[in-house]
Amino acid sequence: MIARRDLFGLAAVVAASSSLPLVNRTVLAQEADPEEILLWPGDAPGRGRPSGPEQIGGEGAGYGAVSNISTPRMRVYRPDQPNGRAVLVCGGGGYFRIQLWKESTPAARWLQARGYTVFELLFRLPGDGWEPSAPFADAQRAMKIIRTRADEFAIRPDRIGIMGFSAGGHLAGFTALQPARELYAGQDRYEAVSARPDFTVLLFPVVTLRAPYDTTRTRREIVGRNPTRAAEDAWSLDTYAQRDAPPTIIFASADDATTPPAHGIMLAQALWREGAAAELHIFEDGGHGWGLGTSDQILSQWPDMFEAWITRRSFGT
């Protein structure tokens, strides 16, 4: 795990940078000693392991992102006044790092402030040497732990959603559409409940691994550089669209060069064809990896749009 001194050091760097949004400058300082839940009772199932200790990026595009995860776990954000809903949040990063600072942690804090009990997922990464199914096993397990322990957190077991950004959106979407996929063997009390989320929130998600959208790091980490078409189909979200999919809301920006809005359109259309409940919002600009966005961006309205959507769907307490 990340040493506390590393977190404090990074928090100091963040706080010193006046050009960064306030919500992001303070977030790592607040998380110096978070409440965490381990996903597995011993070694995590599956093949592989990182070659070094857990790390937090200190510069460039990986700033504030975690990698080399050996101990998959959830960070818990408890609200002062729980509303009965919970969200498992998955940051992006192409399955070789997890964007905590700019994606999953600010979203977790926003949800927490509005009464959600939030679980930020630190999942294993194929880019660290784990087998491709590892992050999906972690997400399934996390959903089952949350549902099993719902009473402890004042959560309704039928009001547990999943949210994901970019590659984390791919992870969240796969968990929502394939919750019963046998990815590991388990026999403890957590395995008695479903991993199916009750709602799904996807932000600039990776949906398809097929051409012409076959240039993502997600694709390379999950199926390699020269996969078969069967492998591409097996790990593309639209393959599994079905009528009983959890209600899904998707957000994207028109100028995203990493995961163009065609990804979100493809999944929304597949869900609509099956008669599933899905909603899609495409903003004019914003690029990729915008997290909560900034106050001068129209896309910064997405959290309130999500809140209106989930309330309108009678997911209230």
C-alpha atoms as a PDB file:
ATOM      1  CA  MET A   1       0.000   0.000   0.000  1.00  0.00           C
ATOM      2  CA  ILE A   2       0.993   3.649  -0.293  1.00  0.00           C
ATOM      3  CA  ALA A   3       3.039   4.851   2.645  1.00  0.00           C
ATOM      4  CA  ARG A   4       1.442   7.668   4.642  1.00  0.00           C
ATOM      5  CA  ARG A   5       4.533   9.855   4.144  1.00  0.00           C
ATOM      6  CA  ASP A   6       4.077   9.553   0.375  1.00  0.00           C
ATOM      7  CA  LEU A   7       0.498  10.750   0.624  1.00  0.00           C
ATOM      8  CA  PHE A   8       1.452  13.649   2.866  1.00  0.00           C
ATOM      9  CA  GLY A   9       4.217  14.640   0.484  1.00  0.00           C
ATOM     10  CA  LEU A  10       1.920  14.573  -2.505  1.00  0.00           C
ATOM     11  CA  ALA A  11      -0.760  16.483  -0.615  1.00  0.00           C
ATOM     12  CA  ALA A  12       1.753  19.223   0.130  1.00  0.00           C
ATOM     13  CA  VAL A  13       2.608  19.510  -3.561  1.00  0.00           C
ATOM     14  CA  VAL A  14      -1.068  19.697  -4.446  1.00  0.00           C
ATOM     15  CA  ALA A  15      -1.830  22.344  -1.832  1.00  0.00           C
ATOM     16  CA  ALA A  16       1.102  24.443  -2.998  1.00  0.00           C
ATOM     17  CA  SER A  17      -0.213  24.684  -6.547  1.00  0.00           C
ATOM     18  CA  SER A  18      -2.677  27.589  -6.684  1.00  0.00           C
ATOM     19  CA  SER A  19      -3.512  26.816 -10.306  1.00  0.00           C
ATOM     20  CA  LEU A  20      -5.310  23.598  -9.359  1.00  0.00           C
ATOM     21  CA  PRO A  21      -9.049  23.465  -8.539  1.00  0.00           C
ATOM     22  CA  LEU A  22      -9.646  23.696  -4.784  1.00  0.00           C
ATOM     23  CA  VAL A  23     -11.623  20.434  -4.659  1.00  0.00           C
ATOM     24  CA  ASN A  24      -8.601  18.633  -6.070  1.00  0.00           C
ATOM     25  CA  ARG A  25      -5.939  20.522  -4.088  1.00  0.00           C
ATOM     26  CA  THR A  26      -7.402  19.392  -0.772  1.00  0.00           C
ATOM     27  CA  VAL A  27      -8.567  15.908  -1.614  1.00  0.00           C
ATOM     28  CA  LEU A  28      -5.343  13.992  -1.007  1.00  0.00           C
ATOM     29  CA  ALA A  29      -4.629  15.795   2.237  1.00  0.00           C
ATOM     30  CA  GLN A  30      -8.048  14.677   3.465  1.00  0.00           C
ATOM     31  CA  GLU A  31      -7.270  11.088   2.510  1.00  0.00           C
ATOM     32  CA  ALA A  32      -3.985  10.696   4.394  1.00  0.00           C
ATOM     33  CA  ASP A  33      -5.427   7.969   6.645  1.00  0.00           C
ATOM     34  CA  PRO A  34      -8.622   6.680   4.961  1.00  0.00           C
ATOM     35  CA  GLU A  35     -10.935   3.943   6.140  1.00  0.00           C
ATOM     36  CA  GLU A  36     -10.321   0.933   3.903  1.00  0.00           C
ATOM     37  CA  ILE A  37     -11.857  -2.490   3.300  1.00  0.00           C
ATOM     38  CA  LEU A  38      -9.720  -5.263   1.854  1.00  0.00           C
ATOM     39  CA  LEU A  39     -11.407  -7.271  -0.882  1.00  0.00           C
ATOM     40  CA  TRP A  40      -9.833 -10.655  -0.231  1.00  0.00           C
ATOM     41  CA  PRO A  41      -9.079 -12.564   3.006  1.00  0.00           C
ATOM     42  CA  GLY A  42      -5.590 -13.523   1.816  1.00  0.00           C
ATOM     43  CA  ASP A  43      -3.813 -13.294  -1.497  1.00  0.00           C
ATOM     44  CA  ALA A  44      -6.059 -12.058  -4.282  1.00  0.00           C
ATOM     45  CA  PRO A  45      -7.084 -14.767  -6.772  1.00  0.00           C
ATOM     46  CA  GLY A  46      -5.564 -14.981 -10.220  1.00  0.00           C
ATOM     47  CA  ARG A  47      -2.130 -14.909 -11.744  1.00  0.00           C
ATOM     48  CA  GLY A  48       0.403 -12.114 -11.637  1.00  0.00           C
ATOM     49  CA  ARG A  49       1.732  -9.485  -9.271  1.00  0.00           C
ATOM     50  CA  PRO A  50       3.457  -6.090  -9.526  1.00  0.00           C
ATOM     51  CA  SER A  51       7.235  -6.036  -9.492  1.00  0.00           C
ATOM     52  CA  GLY A  52       7.479  -3.144  -7.029  1.00  0.00           C
ATOM     53  CA  PRO A  53       5.688  -1.271  -4.235  1.00  0.00           C
ATOM     54  CA  GLU A  54       2.499   0.706  -4.679  1.00  0.00           C
ATOM     55  CA  GLN A  55       3.114   4.153  -6.138  1.00  0.00           C
ATOM     56  CA  ILE A  56       1.404   7.520  -6.596  1.00  0.00           C
ATOM     57  CA  GLY A  57       2.302   9.546  -9.676  1.00  0.00           C
ATOM     58  CA  GLY A  58       3.972  12.872  -8.973  1.00  0.00           C
ATOM     59  CA  GLU A  59       4.015  14.610 -12.347  1.00  0.00           C
ATOM     60  CA  GLY A  60       2.530  14.703 -15.839  1.00  0.00           C
ATOM     61  CA  ALA A  61      -0.623  12.887 -16.917  1.00  0.00           C
ATOM     62  CA  GLY A  62      -0.223  10.373 -14.102  1.00  0.00           C
ATOM     63  CA  TYR A  63      -0.218  12.993 -11.352  1.00  0.00           C
ATOM     64  CA  GLY A  64      -2.107  11.653  -8.335  1.00  0.00           C
ATOM     65  CA  ALA A  65      -2.717   8.275  -9.994  1.00  0.00           C
ATOM     66  CA  VAL A  66      -2.009   5.006  -8.188  1.00  0.00           C
ATOM     67  CA  SER A  67      -0.288   1.975  -9.697  1.00  0.00           C
ATOM     68  CA  ASN A  68       1.499  -1.234  -8.638  1.00  0.00           C
ATOM     69  CA  ILE A  69      -1.498  -2.369  -6.604  1.00  0.00           C
ATOM     70  CA  SER A  70      -0.861  -5.636  -4.775  1.00  0.00           C
ATOM     71  CA  THR A  71      -3.650  -5.279  -2.206  1.00  0.00           C
ATOM     72  CA  PRO A  72      -6.988  -4.500  -3.888  1.00  0.00           C
ATOM     73  CA  ARG A  73      -9.326  -2.625  -1.573  1.00  0.00           C
ATOM     74  CA  MET A  74     -11.994   0.028  -1.179  1.00  0.00           C
ATOM     75  CA  ARG A  75     -11.716   3.427   0.460  1.00  0.00           C
ATOM     76  CA  VAL A  76     -14.881   4.338   2.329  1.00  0.00           C
ATOM     77  CA  TYR A  77     -16.484   7.794   2.351  1.00  0.00           C
ATOM     78  CA  ARG A  78     -19.249   7.930   4.953  1.00  0.00           C
ATOM     79  CA  PRO A  79     -21.739  10.808   4.728  1.00  0.00           C
ATOM     80  CA  ASP A  80     -22.934  12.709   7.779  1.00  0.00           C
ATOM     81  CA  GLN A  81     -26.528  11.910   6.861  1.00  0.00           C
ATOM     82  CA  PRO A  82     -26.774   8.716   4.759  1.00  0.00           C
ATOM     83  CA  ASN A  83     -29.494   8.754   2.100  1.00  0.00           C
ATOM     84  CA  GLY A  84     -29.538   4.955   1.805  1.00  0.00           C
ATOM     85  CA  ARG A  85     -27.736   4.911  -1.541  1.00  0.00           C
ATOM     86  CA  ALA A  86     -24.197   3.724  -2.232  1.00  0.00           C
ATOM     87  CA  VAL A  87     -21.839   4.047  -5.187  1.00  0.00           C
ATOM     88  CA  LEU A  88     -18.741   2.041  -6.056  1.00  0.00           C
ATOM     89  CA  VAL A  89     -16.451   4.471  -7.944  1.00  0.00           C
ATOM     90  CA  CYS A  90     -13.788   3.322 -10.428  1.00  0.00           C
ATOM     91  CA  GLY A  91     -11.198   5.787 -11.712  1.00  0.00           C
ATOM     92  CA  GLY A  92      -9.778   5.580 -15.223  1.00  0.00           C
ATOM     93  CA  GLY A  93      -6.207   5.158 -16.351  1.00  0.00           C
ATOM     94  CA  GLY A  94      -6.111   2.540 -19.098  1.00  0.00           C
ATOM     95  CA  TYR A  95      -5.739  -0.385 -16.676  1.00  0.00           C
ATOM     96  CA  PHE A  96      -2.125   0.608 -15.966  1.00  0.00           C
ATOM     97  CA  ARG A  97      -2.923   3.227 -13.301  1.00  0.00           C
ATOM     98  CA  ILE A  98      -6.003   4.578 -11.511  1.00  0.00           C
ATOM     99  CA  GLN A  99      -6.759   8.280 -11.679  1.00  0.00           C
ATOM    100  CA  LEU A 100      -7.646   9.026  -8.069  1.00  0.00           C
ATOM    101  CA  TRP A 101      -6.781  12.713  -7.815  1.00  0.00           C
ATOM    102  CA  LYS A 102      -8.635  14.002 -10.862  1.00  0.00           C
ATOM    103  CA  GLU A 103     -11.463  11.467 -11.233  1.00  0.00           C
ATOM    104  CA  SER A 104     -12.555   9.000  -8.589  1.00  0.00           C
ATOM    105  CA  THR A 105     -11.715  10.902  -5.383  1.00  0.00           C
ATOM    106  CA  PRO A 106     -13.396  14.223  -6.297  1.00  0.00           C
ATOM    107  CA  ALA A 107     -16.473  12.288  -7.464  1.00  0.00           C
ATOM    108  CA  ALA A 108     -16.494  10.321  -4.219  1.00  0.00           C
ATOM    109  CA  ARG A 109     -16.338  13.526  -2.192  1.00  0.00           C
ATOM    110  CA  TRP A 110     -19.165  15.103  -4.212  1.00  0.00           C
ATOM    111  CA  LEU A 111     -21.379  12.065  -3.668  1.00  0.00           C
ATOM    112  CA  GLN A 112     -20.477  11.846   0.012  1.00  0.00           C
ATOM    113  CA  ALA A 113     -21.528  15.471   0.548  1.00  0.00           C
ATOM    114  CA  ARG A 114     -24.956  14.592  -0.855  1.00  0.00           C
ATOM    115  CA  GLY A 115     -25.606  11.643   1.396  1.00  0.00           C
ATOM    116  CA  TYR A 116     -24.191   8.771  -0.618  1.00  0.00           C
ATOM    117  CA  THR A 117     -21.978   6.195   1.033  1.00  0.00           C
ATOM    118  CA  VAL A 118     -19.100   5.878  -1.408  1.00  0.00           C
ATOM    119  CA  PHE A 119     -16.557   3.137  -1.957  1.00  0.00           C
ATOM    120  CA  GLU A 120     -13.563   4.109  -4.087  1.00  0.00           C
ATOM    121  CA  LEU A 121     -12.108   1.009  -5.726  1.00  0.00           C
ATOM    122  CA  LEU A 122      -8.366   0.405  -5.855  1.00  0.00           C
ATOM    123  CA  PHE A 123      -8.353  -2.533  -8.227  1.00  0.00           C
ATOM    124  CA  ARG A 124      -5.573  -4.661  -9.661  1.00  0.00           C
ATOM    125  CA  LEU A 125      -4.157  -3.592 -13.003  1.00  0.00           C
ATOM    126  CA  PRO A 126      -3.147  -5.762 -15.981  1.00  0.00           C
ATOM    127  CA  GLY A 127      -0.527  -3.099 -16.683  1.00  0.00           C
ATOM    128  CA  ASP A 128       1.115  -4.064 -13.382  1.00  0.00           C
ATOM    129  CA  GLY A 129       1.395  -7.699 -14.385  1.00  0.00           C
ATOM    130  CA  TRP A 130      -1.965  -9.060 -13.236  1.00  0.00           C
ATOM    131  CA  GLU A 131      -3.991 -11.236 -15.587  1.00  0.00           C
ATOM    132  CA  PRO A 132      -6.675  -9.333 -17.556  1.00  0.00           C
ATOM    133  CA  SER A 133      -9.601 -10.664 -15.512  1.00  0.00           C
ATOM    134  CA  ALA A 134      -8.177  -9.358 -12.195  1.00  0.00           C
ATOM    135  CA  PRO A 135      -9.852  -5.912 -12.119  1.00  0.00           C
ATOM    136  CA  PHE A 136     -13.204  -7.444 -13.025  1.00  0.00           C
ATOM    137  CA  ALA A 137     -12.922  -9.990 -10.218  1.00  0.00           C
ATOM    138  CA  ASP A 138     -12.120  -7.132  -7.833  1.00  0.00           C
ATOM    139  CA  ALA A 139     -15.145  -5.108  -8.932  1.00  0.00           C
ATOM    140  CA  GLN A 140     -17.484  -8.087  -8.558  1.00  0.00           C
ATOM    141  CA  ARG A 141     -16.112  -8.815  -5.125  1.00  0.00           C
ATOM    142  CA  ALA A 142     -16.449  -5.176  -4.074  1.00  0.00           C
ATOM    143  CA  MET A 143     -20.114  -5.085  -5.086  1.00  0.00           C
ATOM    144  CA  LYS A 144     -20.793  -8.248  -3.098  1.00  0.00           C
ATOM    145  CA  ILE A 145     -19.058  -6.927   0.015  1.00  0.00           C
ATOM    146  CA  ILE A 146     -21.003  -3.664  -0.120  1.00  0.00           C
ATOM    147  CA  ARG A 147     -24.322  -5.453  -0.517  1.00  0.00           C
ATOM    148  CA  THR A 148     -23.566  -7.991   2.222  1.00  0.00           C
ATOM    149  CA  ARG A 149     -22.562  -5.256   4.664  1.00  0.00           C
ATOM    150  CA  ALA A 150     -25.288  -2.804   3.651  1.00  0.00           C
ATOM    151  CA  ASP A 151     -26.811  -2.648   7.143  1.00  0.00           C
ATOM    152  CA  GLU A 152     -23.482  -1.574   8.643  1.00  0.00           C
ATOM    153  CA  PHE A 153     -23.422   1.469   6.384  1.00  0.00           C
ATOM    154  CA  ALA A 154     -27.146   2.340   6.497  1.00  0.00           C
ATOM    155  CA  ILE A 155     -27.408   1.374   2.832  1.00  0.00           C
ATOM    156  CA  ARG A 156     -30.423  -0.115   1.085  1.00  0.00           C
ATOM    157  CA  PRO A 157     -29.175  -3.301  -0.621  1.00  0.00           C
ATOM    158  CA  ASP A 158     -31.262  -2.420  -3.703  1.00  0.00           C
ATOM    159  CA  ARG A 159     -29.773   1.078  -4.043  1.00  0.00           C
ATOM    160  CA  ILE A 160     -26.139   0.253  -4.780  1.00  0.00           C
ATOM    161  CA  GLY A 161     -24.733   1.682  -7.994  1.00  0.00           C
ATOM    162  CA  ILE A 162     -21.432   1.736  -9.842  1.00  0.00           C
ATOM    163  CA  MET A 163     -19.674   4.699 -11.472  1.00  0.00           C
ATOM    164  CA  GLY A 164     -16.646   4.622 -13.732  1.00  0.00           C
ATOM    165  CA  PHE A 165     -14.425   6.962 -15.744  1.00  0.00           C
ATOM    166  CA  SER A 166     -12.757   5.935 -19.039  1.00  0.00           C
ATOM    167  CA  ALA A 167     -11.184   2.497 -18.390  1.00  0.00           C
ATOM    168  CA  GLY A 168     -12.991   2.601 -15.057  1.00  0.00           C
ATOM    169  CA  GLY A 169     -16.145   3.082 -17.122  1.00  0.00           C
ATOM    170  CA  HIS A 170     -15.278  -0.076 -19.014  1.00  0.00           C
ATOM    171  CA  LEU A 171     -14.819  -1.859 -15.687  1.00  0.00           C
ATOM    172  CA  ALA A 172     -18.071  -0.484 -14.281  1.00  0.00           C
ATOM    173  CA  GLY A 173     -20.007  -1.299 -17.449  1.00  0.00           C
ATOM    174  CA  PHE A 174     -18.705  -4.859 -17.611  1.00  0.00           C
ATOM    175  CA  THR A 175     -19.611  -5.395 -13.968  1.00  0.00           C
ATOM    176  CA  ALA A 176     -23.116  -4.083 -14.614  1.00  0.00           C
ATOM    177  CA  LEU A 177     -23.667  -6.174 -17.742  1.00  0.00           C
ATOM    178  CA  GLN A 178     -21.872  -9.363 -16.645  1.00  0.00           C
ATOM    179  CA  PRO A 179     -22.364  -9.518 -12.866  1.00  0.00           C
ATOM    180  CA  ALA A 180     -22.651 -13.323 -12.787  1.00  0.00           C
ATOM    181  CA  ARG A 181     -19.531 -14.031 -14.872  1.00  0.00           C
ATOM    182  CA  GLU A 182     -17.434 -16.611 -12.987  1.00  0.00           C
ATOM    183  CA  LEU A 183     -14.117 -14.827 -12.631  1.00  0.00           C
ATOM    184  CA  TYR A 184     -12.912 -16.423  -9.396  1.00  0.00           C
ATOM    185  CA  ALA A 185     -13.818 -19.133  -6.911  1.00  0.00           C
ATOM    186  CA  GLY A 186     -15.221 -17.952  -3.594  1.00  0.00           C
ATOM    187  CA  GLN A 187     -17.098 -19.613  -0.758  1.00  0.00           C
ATOM    188  CA  ASP A 188     -17.428 -17.068   2.055  1.00  0.00           C
ATOM    189  CA  ARG A 189     -20.516 -15.120   3.101  1.00  0.00           C
ATOM    190  CA  TYR A 190     -20.024 -12.418   0.497  1.00  0.00           C
ATOM    191  CA  GLU A 191     -20.600 -14.891  -2.318  1.00  0.00           C
ATOM    192  CA  ALA A 192     -24.245 -15.414  -1.331  1.00  0.00           C
ATOM    193  CA  VAL A 193     -25.361 -12.094  -2.890  1.00  0.00           C
ATOM    194  CA  SER A 194     -25.417 -10.639  -6.400  1.00  0.00           C
ATOM    195  CA  ALA A 195     -22.706  -8.392  -7.834  1.00  0.00           C
ATOM    196  CA  ARG A 196     -25.265  -6.638 -10.059  1.00  0.00           C
ATOM    197  CA  PRO A 197     -25.366  -2.871  -9.466  1.00  0.00           C
ATOM    198  CA  ASP A 198     -28.779  -1.224  -9.276  1.00  0.00           C
ATOM    199  CA  PHE A 199     -27.699   1.669 -11.505  1.00  0.00           C
ATOM    200  CA  THR A 200     -24.706   2.494 -13.677  1.00  0.00           C
ATOM    201  CA  VAL A 201     -22.988   5.830 -14.322  1.00  0.00           C
ATOM    202  CA  LEU A 202     -20.395   5.900 -17.107  1.00  0.00           C
ATOM    203  CA  LEU A 203     -18.212   8.901 -17.906  1.00  0.00           C
ATOM    204  CA  PHE A 204     -16.277   8.969 -21.206  1.00  0.00           C
ATOM    205  CA  PRO A 205     -16.209   5.148 -21.019  1.00  0.00           C
ATOM    206  CA  VAL A 206     -14.257   2.739 -23.161  1.00  0.00           C
ATOM    207  CA  VAL A 207     -17.042   0.606 -24.648  1.00  0.00           C
ATOM    208  CA  THR A 208     -15.675  -1.213 -27.665  1.00  0.00           C
ATOM    209  CA  LEU A 209     -12.286  -2.777 -28.341  1.00  0.00           C
ATOM    210  CA  ARG A 210     -13.016  -3.154 -32.060  1.00  0.00           C
ATOM    211  CA  ALA A 211     -11.792  -1.087 -35.002  1.00  0.00           C
ATOM    212  CA  PRO A 212     -11.877   1.797 -35.642  1.00  0.00           C
ATOM    213  CA  TYR A 213     -11.821   2.374 -31.858  1.00  0.00           C
ATOM    214  CA  ASP A 214      -8.989  -0.072 -31.225  1.00  0.00           C
ATOM    215  CA  THR A 215      -6.289   2.396 -30.196  1.00  0.00           C
ATOM    216  CA  THR A 216      -6.999   2.673 -26.473  1.00  0.00           C
ATOM    217  CA  ARG A 217      -4.594   1.573 -23.751  1.00  0.00           C
ATOM    218  CA  THR A 218      -7.565  -0.337 -22.308  1.00  0.00           C
ATOM    219  CA  ARG A 219      -7.673  -2.540 -25.380  1.00  0.00           C
ATOM    220  CA  ARG A 220      -3.938  -3.262 -25.284  1.00  0.00           C
ATOM    221  CA  GLU A 221      -3.965  -4.160 -21.595  1.00  0.00           C
ATOM    222  CA  ILE A 222      -7.032  -6.410 -21.789  1.00  0.00           C
ATOM    223  CA  VAL A 223      -6.658  -8.246 -25.122  1.00  0.00           C
ATOM    224  CA  GLY A 224      -3.158  -7.346 -26.355  1.00  0.00           C
ATOM    225  CA  ARG A 225      -2.001  -5.737 -29.570  1.00  0.00           C
ATOM    226  CA  ASN A 226      -3.156  -8.448 -31.998  1.00  0.00           C
ATOM    227  CA  PRO A 227      -6.294 -10.013 -30.537  1.00  0.00           C
ATOM    228  CA  THR A 228      -8.819 -12.144 -32.333  1.00  0.00           C
ATOM    229  CA  ARG A 229     -12.195 -10.688 -33.190  1.00  0.00           C
ATOM    230  CA  ALA A 230     -13.696 -13.096 -30.654  1.00  0.00           C
ATOM    231  CA  ALA A 231     -11.524 -11.584 -27.909  1.00  0.00           C
ATOM    232  CA  GLU A 232     -12.506  -8.051 -28.931  1.00  0.00           C
ATOM    233  CA  ASP A 233     -16.178  -8.997 -28.813  1.00  0.00           C
ATOM    234  CA  ALA A 234     -15.794 -10.784 -25.471  1.00  0.00           C
ATOM    235  CA  TRP A 235     -14.498  -7.631 -23.764  1.00  0.00           C
ATOM    236  CA  SER A 236     -16.650  -5.021 -25.547  1.00  0.00           C
ATOM    237  CA  LEU A 237     -19.564  -3.768 -23.472  1.00  0.00           C
ATOM    238  CA  ASP A 238     -22.149  -3.554 -26.240  1.00  0.00           C
ATOM    239  CA  THR A 239     -21.815  -7.326 -26.742  1.00  0.00           C
ATOM    240  CA  TYR A 240     -23.724  -7.811 -23.482  1.00  0.00           C
ATOM    241  CA  ALA A 241     -26.528  -5.275 -23.829  1.00  0.00           C
ATOM    242  CA  GLN A 242     -29.739  -6.813 -22.539  1.00  0.00           C
ATOM    243  CA  ARG A 243     -33.185  -5.761 -21.463  1.00  0.00           C
ATOM    244  CA  ASP A 244     -32.575  -6.349 -17.759  1.00  0.00           C
ATOM    245  CA  ALA A 245     -29.391  -4.266 -17.642  1.00  0.00           C
ATOM    246  CA  PRO A 246     -29.298  -1.810 -14.743  1.00  0.00           C
ATOM    247  CA  PRO A 247     -30.558   1.689 -15.610  1.00  0.00           C
ATOM    248  CA  THR A 248     -27.572   3.427 -17.187  1.00  0.00           C
ATOM    249  CA  ILE A 249     -26.574   7.051 -17.726  1.00  0.00           C
ATOM    250  CA  ILE A 250     -23.613   7.929 -19.947  1.00  0.00           C
ATOM    251  CA  PHE A 251     -21.707  11.217 -20.238  1.00  0.00           C
ATOM    252  CA  ALA A 252     -19.216  12.065 -22.996  1.00  0.00           C
ATOM    253  CA  SER A 253     -17.711  15.057 -24.786  1.00  0.00           C
ATOM    254  CA  ALA A 254     -17.794  15.536 -28.533  1.00  0.00           C
ATOM    255  CA  ASP A 255     -14.099  16.428 -28.793  1.00  0.00           C
ATOM    256  CA  ASP A 256     -12.752  13.458 -26.823  1.00  0.00           C
ATOM    257  CA  ALA A 257      -9.938  12.018 -28.929  1.00  0.00           C
ATOM    258  CA  THR A 258      -9.167   9.169 -26.516  1.00  0.00           C
ATOM    259  CA  THR A 259     -12.643   7.681 -26.206  1.00  0.00           C
ATOM    260  CA  PRO A 260     -14.729   9.446 -28.844  1.00  0.00           C
ATOM    261  CA  PRO A 261     -18.442   9.796 -28.070  1.00  0.00           C
ATOM    262  CA  ALA A 262     -19.096   6.939 -30.496  1.00  0.00           C
ATOM    263  CA  HIS A 263     -18.235   4.641 -27.582  1.00  0.00           C
ATOM    264  CA  GLY A 264     -21.110   5.952 -25.493  1.00  0.00           C
ATOM    265  CA  ILE A 265     -23.440   6.129 -28.499  1.00  0.00           C
ATOM    266  CA  MET A 266     -22.689   2.506 -29.338  1.00  0.00           C
ATOM    267  CA  LEU A 267     -23.585   1.284 -25.859  1.00  0.00           C
ATOM    268  CA  ALA A 268     -26.674   3.470 -25.553  1.00  0.00           C
ATOM    269  CA  GLN A 269     -27.998   2.273 -28.905  1.00  0.00           C
ATOM    270  CA  ALA A 270     -27.342  -1.372 -27.990  1.00  0.00           C
ATOM    271  CA  LEU A 271     -29.225  -0.935 -24.705  1.00  0.00           C
ATOM    272  CA  TRP A 272     -32.094   0.878 -26.413  1.00  0.00           C
ATOM    273  CA  ARG A 273     -32.422  -1.879 -28.997  1.00  0.00           C
ATOM    274  CA  GLU A 274     -32.868  -4.371 -26.165  1.00  0.00           C
ATOM    275  CA  GLY A 275     -35.428  -2.198 -24.400  1.00  0.00           C
ATOM    276  CA  ALA A 276     -33.155  -1.330 -21.472  1.00  0.00           C
ATOM    277  CA  ALA A 277     -33.319   1.985 -19.617  1.00  0.00           C
ATOM    278  CA  ALA A 278     -30.447   4.191 -20.767  1.00  0.00           C
ATOM    279  CA  GLU A 279     -29.728   7.897 -21.114  1.00  0.00           C
ATOM    280  CA  LEU A 280     -26.871   9.576 -23.022  1.00  0.00           C
ATOM    281  CA  HIS A 281     -25.490  13.116 -22.740  1.00  0.00           C
ATOM    282  CA  ILE A 282     -22.795  14.458 -25.068  1.00  0.00           C
ATOM    283  CA  PHE A 283     -21.239  17.816 -24.225  1.00  0.00           C
ATOM    284  CA  GLU A 284     -19.832  20.080 -26.913  1.00  0.00           C
ATOM    285  CA  ASP A 285     -16.300  20.098 -25.553  1.00  0.00           C
ATOM    286  CA  GLY A 286     -14.164  19.002 -22.644  1.00  0.00           C
ATOM    287  CA  GLY A 287     -11.801  16.445 -24.137  1.00  0.00           C
ATOM    288  CA  HIS A 288     -10.969  13.407 -22.028  1.00  0.00           C
ATOM    289  CA  GLY A 289     -10.438  12.808 -18.327  1.00  0.00           C
ATOM    290  CA  TRP A 290     -12.405  15.793 -17.019  1.00  0.00           C
ATOM    291  CA  GLY A 291     -13.588  14.311 -13.731  1.00  0.00           C
ATOM    292  CA  LEU A 292     -15.992  16.801 -12.155  1.00  0.00           C
ATOM    293  CA  GLY A 293     -14.986  19.458 -14.652  1.00  0.00           C
ATOM    294  CA  THR A 294     -14.365  23.113 -13.788  1.00  0.00           C
ATOM    295  CA  SER A 295     -16.889  25.863 -13.179  1.00  0.00           C
ATOM    296  CA  ASP A 296     -16.341  27.408 -16.609  1.00  0.00           C
ATOM    297  CA  GLN A 297     -17.241  24.139 -18.386  1.00  0.00           C
ATOM    298  CA  ILE A 298     -20.819  23.206 -19.229  1.00  0.00           C
ATOM    299  CA  LEU A 299     -19.937  19.584 -18.598  1.00  0.00           C
ATOM    300  CA  SER A 300     -19.437  20.430 -14.910  1.00  0.00           C
ATOM    301  CA  GLN A 301     -23.228  20.140 -14.724  1.00  0.00           C
ATOM    302  CA  TRP A 302     -23.054  16.362 -15.052  1.00  0.00           C
ATOM    303  CA  PRO A 303     -23.163  15.581 -11.298  1.00  0.00           C
ATOM    304  CA  ASP A 304     -26.412  17.515 -10.910  1.00  0.00           C
ATOM    305  CA  MET A 305     -27.771  15.849 -14.054  1.00  0.00           C
ATOM    306  CA  PHE A 306     -26.927  12.469 -12.551  1.00  0.00           C
ATOM    307  CA  GLU A 307     -28.662  13.418  -9.294  1.00  0.00           C
ATOM    308  CA  ALA A 308     -31.788  14.524 -11.185  1.00  0.00           C
ATOM    309  CA  TRP A 309     -31.739  11.293 -13.221  1.00  0.00           C
ATOM    310  CA  ILE A 310     -31.436   8.960 -10.269  1.00  0.00           C
ATOM    311  CA  THR A 311     -34.092  10.829  -8.293  1.00  0.00           C
ATOM    312  CA  ARG A 312     -36.436  10.806 -11.259  1.00  0.00           C
ATOM    313  CA  ARG A 313     -36.002   7.038 -11.502  1.00  0.00           C
ATOM    314  CA  SER A 314     -37.544   6.647  -8.036  1.00  0.00           C
ATOM    315  CA  PHE A 315     -34.261   5.585  -6.459  1.00  0.00           C
ATOM    316  CA  GLY A 316     -34.963   7.785  -3.446  1.00  0.00           C
ATOM    317  CA  THR A 317     -35.118   6.450   0.085  1.00  0.00           C
END
